[in-house]
């Protein structure tokens, strides 16, 4: 009976690994999407990449997102 349980457990492990990989892909997609949106926003505000105004814009957006996530996590 223990052998059957072990076989069933081994059969479930790939599903867990796929779930974790999917979560990682979704997190990466969200990060890329945020970076693209932030870039577009800062450029549309007139900031050019490589300038201090662009860096300030990107940092401000990042801090706003972190604060929103922190508030939502409470």
N, C-alpha and C. Protein backbone atom coordinates (compact mmCIF):
# COMPACT_ATOMS: atom_id res chain seq x y z
N UNK A 1 0.82 -1.19 0.00
CA UNK A 1 0.00 0.00 0.00
C UNK A 1 0.87 1.27 0.00
N UNK A 2 1.97 1.23 0.74
CA UNK A 2 2.87 2.39 0.76
C UNK A 2 3.47 2.61 -0.62
N UNK A 3 3.72 1.53 -1.33
CA UNK A 3 4.28 1.63 -2.69
C UNK A 3 3.31 2.37 -3.59
N UNK A 4 2.03 2.07 -3.50
CA UNK A 4 1.01 2.73 -4.30
C UNK A 4 0.94 4.22 -3.97
N UNK A 5 1.01 4.54 -2.71
CA UNK A 5 1.00 5.93 -2.28
C UNK A 5 2.22 6.67 -2.85
N UNK A 6 3.38 6.05 -2.80
CA UNK A 6 4.60 6.67 -3.32
C UNK A 6 4.49 6.92 -4.82
N UNK A 7 3.93 5.97 -5.55
CA UNK A 7 3.76 6.13 -7.00
C UNK A 7 2.80 7.28 -7.28
N UNK A 8 1.72 7.37 -6.53
CA UNK A 8 0.76 8.46 -6.73
C UNK A 8 1.40 9.81 -6.42
N UNK A 9 2.19 9.86 -5.36
CA UNK A 9 2.85 11.10 -4.97
C UNK A 9 3.84 11.55 -6.05
N UNK A 10 4.60 10.64 -6.58
CA UNK A 10 5.55 10.96 -7.64
C UNK A 10 4.81 11.46 -8.88
N UNK A 11 3.64 10.94 -9.12
CA UNK A 11 2.84 11.38 -10.26
C UNK A 11 2.34 12.81 -10.12
N UNK A 12 2.21 13.30 -8.91
CA UNK A 12 1.72 14.66 -8.67
C UNK A 12 2.83 15.71 -8.75
N UNK A 13 4.05 15.31 -8.54
CA UNK A 13 5.16 16.27 -8.49
C UNK A 13 5.33 17.10 -9.76
N UNK A 14 5.23 16.55 -10.95
CA UNK A 14 5.37 17.38 -12.15
C UNK A 14 4.32 18.50 -12.22
N UNK A 15 3.12 18.23 -11.74
CA UNK A 15 2.09 19.26 -11.72
C UNK A 15 2.47 20.42 -10.82
N UNK A 16 3.09 20.13 -9.69
CA UNK A 16 3.54 21.18 -8.78
C UNK A 16 4.64 22.01 -9.43
N UNK A 17 5.55 21.35 -10.11
CA UNK A 17 6.65 22.06 -10.77
C UNK A 17 6.12 22.95 -11.88
N UNK A 18 5.14 22.47 -12.62
CA UNK A 18 4.56 23.29 -13.69
C UNK A 18 3.85 24.50 -13.11
N UNK A 19 3.17 24.34 -11.98
CA UNK A 19 2.48 25.44 -11.33
C UNK A 19 3.47 26.52 -10.92
N UNK A 20 4.58 26.12 -10.32
CA UNK A 20 5.60 27.08 -9.90
C UNK A 20 6.21 27.79 -11.10
N UNK A 21 6.47 27.07 -12.16
CA UNK A 21 7.03 27.67 -13.37
C UNK A 21 6.05 28.68 -13.97
N UNK A 22 4.77 28.36 -13.94
CA UNK A 22 3.75 29.28 -14.45
C UNK A 22 3.70 30.55 -13.61
N UNK A 23 3.80 30.42 -12.30
CA UNK A 23 3.81 31.60 -11.42
C UNK A 23 5.02 32.47 -11.71
N UNK A 24 6.17 31.86 -11.94
CA UNK A 24 7.38 32.62 -12.25
C UNK A 24 7.24 33.35 -13.59
N UNK A 25 6.66 32.68 -14.59
CA UNK A 25 6.44 33.33 -15.90
C UNK A 25 5.50 34.51 -15.77
N UNK A 26 4.44 34.35 -14.98
CA UNK A 26 3.48 35.44 -14.79
C UNK A 26 4.12 36.62 -14.09
N UNK A 27 4.97 36.36 -13.09
CA UNK A 27 5.67 37.44 -12.39
C UNK A 27 6.62 38.16 -13.33
N UNK A 28 7.33 37.42 -14.17
CA UNK A 28 8.24 38.03 -15.14
C UNK A 28 7.47 38.86 -16.15
N UNK A 29 6.34 38.33 -16.64
CA UNK A 29 5.52 39.07 -17.60
C UNK A 29 5.01 40.37 -16.99
N UNK A 30 4.62 40.33 -15.72
CA UNK A 30 4.13 41.54 -15.05
C UNK A 30 5.25 42.57 -14.91
N UNK A 31 6.46 42.10 -14.59
CA UNK A 31 7.60 43.02 -14.46
C UNK A 31 7.95 43.67 -15.79
N UNK A 32 7.94 42.88 -16.85
CA UNK A 32 8.23 43.41 -18.18
C UNK A 32 7.16 44.41 -18.59
N UNK A 33 5.91 44.08 -18.34
CA UNK A 33 4.80 44.98 -18.68
C UNK A 33 4.92 46.30 -17.93
N UNK A 34 5.26 46.24 -16.65
CA UNK A 34 5.43 47.46 -15.86
C UNK A 34 6.58 48.30 -16.41
N UNK A 35 7.67 47.66 -16.78
CA UNK A 35 8.82 48.39 -17.30
C UNK A 35 8.48 49.08 -18.62
N UNK A 36 7.75 48.39 -19.48
CA UNK A 36 7.35 48.98 -20.77
C UNK A 36 6.40 50.15 -20.53
N UNK A 37 5.42 49.96 -19.65
CA UNK A 37 4.47 51.03 -19.37
C UNK A 37 5.16 52.24 -18.75
N UNK A 38 6.09 51.99 -17.82
CA UNK A 38 6.82 53.09 -17.18
C UNK A 38 7.65 53.85 -18.21
N UNK A 39 8.31 53.11 -19.09
CA UNK A 39 9.12 53.74 -20.13
C UNK A 39 8.25 54.63 -21.02
N UNK A 40 7.11 54.09 -21.45
CA UNK A 40 6.22 54.87 -22.31
C UNK A 40 5.70 56.12 -21.60
N UNK A 41 5.35 55.97 -20.32
CA UNK A 41 4.84 57.11 -19.57
C UNK A 41 5.91 58.20 -19.45
N UNK A 42 7.11 57.80 -19.08
CA UNK A 42 8.18 58.79 -18.88
C UNK A 42 8.56 59.47 -20.20
N UNK A 43 8.62 58.68 -21.27
CA UNK A 43 8.92 59.28 -22.58
C UNK A 43 7.82 60.24 -23.01
N UNK A 44 6.56 59.88 -22.75
CA UNK A 44 5.45 60.75 -23.14
C UNK A 44 5.43 62.03 -22.32
N UNK A 45 6.08 62.00 -21.16
CA UNK A 45 6.20 63.20 -20.33
C UNK A 45 7.35 64.08 -20.79
N UNK A 46 8.09 63.64 -21.79
CA UNK A 46 9.18 64.42 -22.34
C UNK A 46 10.56 64.04 -21.84
N UNK A 47 10.62 63.04 -20.94
CA UNK A 47 11.92 62.62 -20.42
C UNK A 47 12.59 61.69 -21.43
N UNK A 48 13.87 61.88 -21.62
CA UNK A 48 14.62 61.05 -22.56
C UNK A 48 15.48 60.06 -21.77
N UNK A 49 15.52 58.79 -22.23
CA UNK A 49 16.35 57.80 -21.54
C UNK A 49 17.79 58.27 -21.42
N UNK A 50 18.36 58.02 -20.26
CA UNK A 50 19.74 58.42 -20.01
C UNK A 50 19.86 59.76 -19.30
N UNK A 51 18.74 60.47 -19.16
CA UNK A 51 18.77 61.77 -18.48
C UNK A 51 18.31 61.60 -17.04
N UNK A 52 18.65 62.59 -16.23
CA UNK A 52 18.24 62.52 -14.82
C UNK A 52 16.72 62.63 -14.68
N UNK A 53 16.06 63.38 -15.57
CA UNK A 53 14.60 63.48 -15.47
C UNK A 53 13.93 62.14 -15.78
N UNK A 54 14.50 61.38 -16.70
CA UNK A 54 13.98 60.06 -17.02
C UNK A 54 14.16 59.11 -15.83
N UNK A 55 15.34 59.13 -15.25
CA UNK A 55 15.62 58.30 -14.09
C UNK A 55 14.71 58.67 -12.93
N UNK A 56 14.52 59.96 -12.69
CA UNK A 56 13.63 60.41 -11.62
C UNK A 56 12.20 59.92 -11.86
N UNK A 57 11.75 60.01 -13.10
CA UNK A 57 10.41 59.56 -13.46
C UNK A 57 10.25 58.07 -13.19
N UNK A 58 11.22 57.29 -13.63
CA UNK A 58 11.14 55.83 -13.44
C UNK A 58 11.18 55.47 -11.95
N UNK A 59 12.03 56.15 -11.19
CA UNK A 59 12.10 55.87 -9.76
C UNK A 59 10.79 56.25 -9.06
N UNK A 60 10.21 57.36 -9.44
CA UNK A 60 8.95 57.79 -8.84
C UNK A 60 7.85 56.75 -9.10
N UNK A 61 7.76 56.28 -10.33
CA UNK A 61 6.76 55.27 -10.66
C UNK A 61 7.01 53.97 -9.89
N UNK A 62 8.26 53.59 -9.76
CA UNK A 62 8.60 52.38 -9.03
C UNK A 62 8.21 52.51 -7.55
N UNK A 63 8.50 53.66 -6.97
CA UNK A 63 8.16 53.89 -5.56
C UNK A 63 6.65 53.93 -5.37
N UNK A 64 5.93 54.52 -6.32
CA UNK A 64 4.47 54.54 -6.23
C UNK A 64 3.91 53.12 -6.28
N UNK A 65 4.44 52.29 -7.17
CA UNK A 65 3.99 50.92 -7.30
C UNK A 65 4.29 50.12 -6.02
N UNK A 66 5.49 50.34 -5.46
CA UNK A 66 5.86 49.65 -4.22
C UNK A 66 4.95 50.07 -3.06
N UNK A 67 4.64 51.37 -2.99
CA UNK A 67 3.76 51.85 -1.93
C UNK A 67 2.36 51.29 -2.09
N UNK A 68 1.87 51.21 -3.31
CA UNK A 68 0.54 50.66 -3.57
C UNK A 68 0.50 49.16 -3.20
N UNK A 69 1.55 48.44 -3.53
CA UNK A 69 1.61 47.03 -3.21
C UNK A 69 1.69 46.82 -1.70
N UNK A 70 2.43 47.70 -1.04
CA UNK A 70 2.56 47.60 0.41
C UNK A 70 1.21 47.87 1.09
N UNK A 71 0.50 48.87 0.59
CA UNK A 71 -0.80 49.21 1.15
C UNK A 71 -1.81 48.10 0.90
N UNK A 72 -1.75 47.50 -0.28
CA UNK A 72 -2.68 46.42 -0.64
C UNK A 72 -2.39 45.16 0.18
N UNK A 73 -1.15 44.99 0.59
CA UNK A 73 -0.76 43.79 1.34
C UNK A 73 -1.15 43.84 2.80
N UNK A 74 -1.66 44.93 3.27
CA UNK A 74 -2.03 45.05 4.70
C UNK A 74 -3.34 44.41 4.99
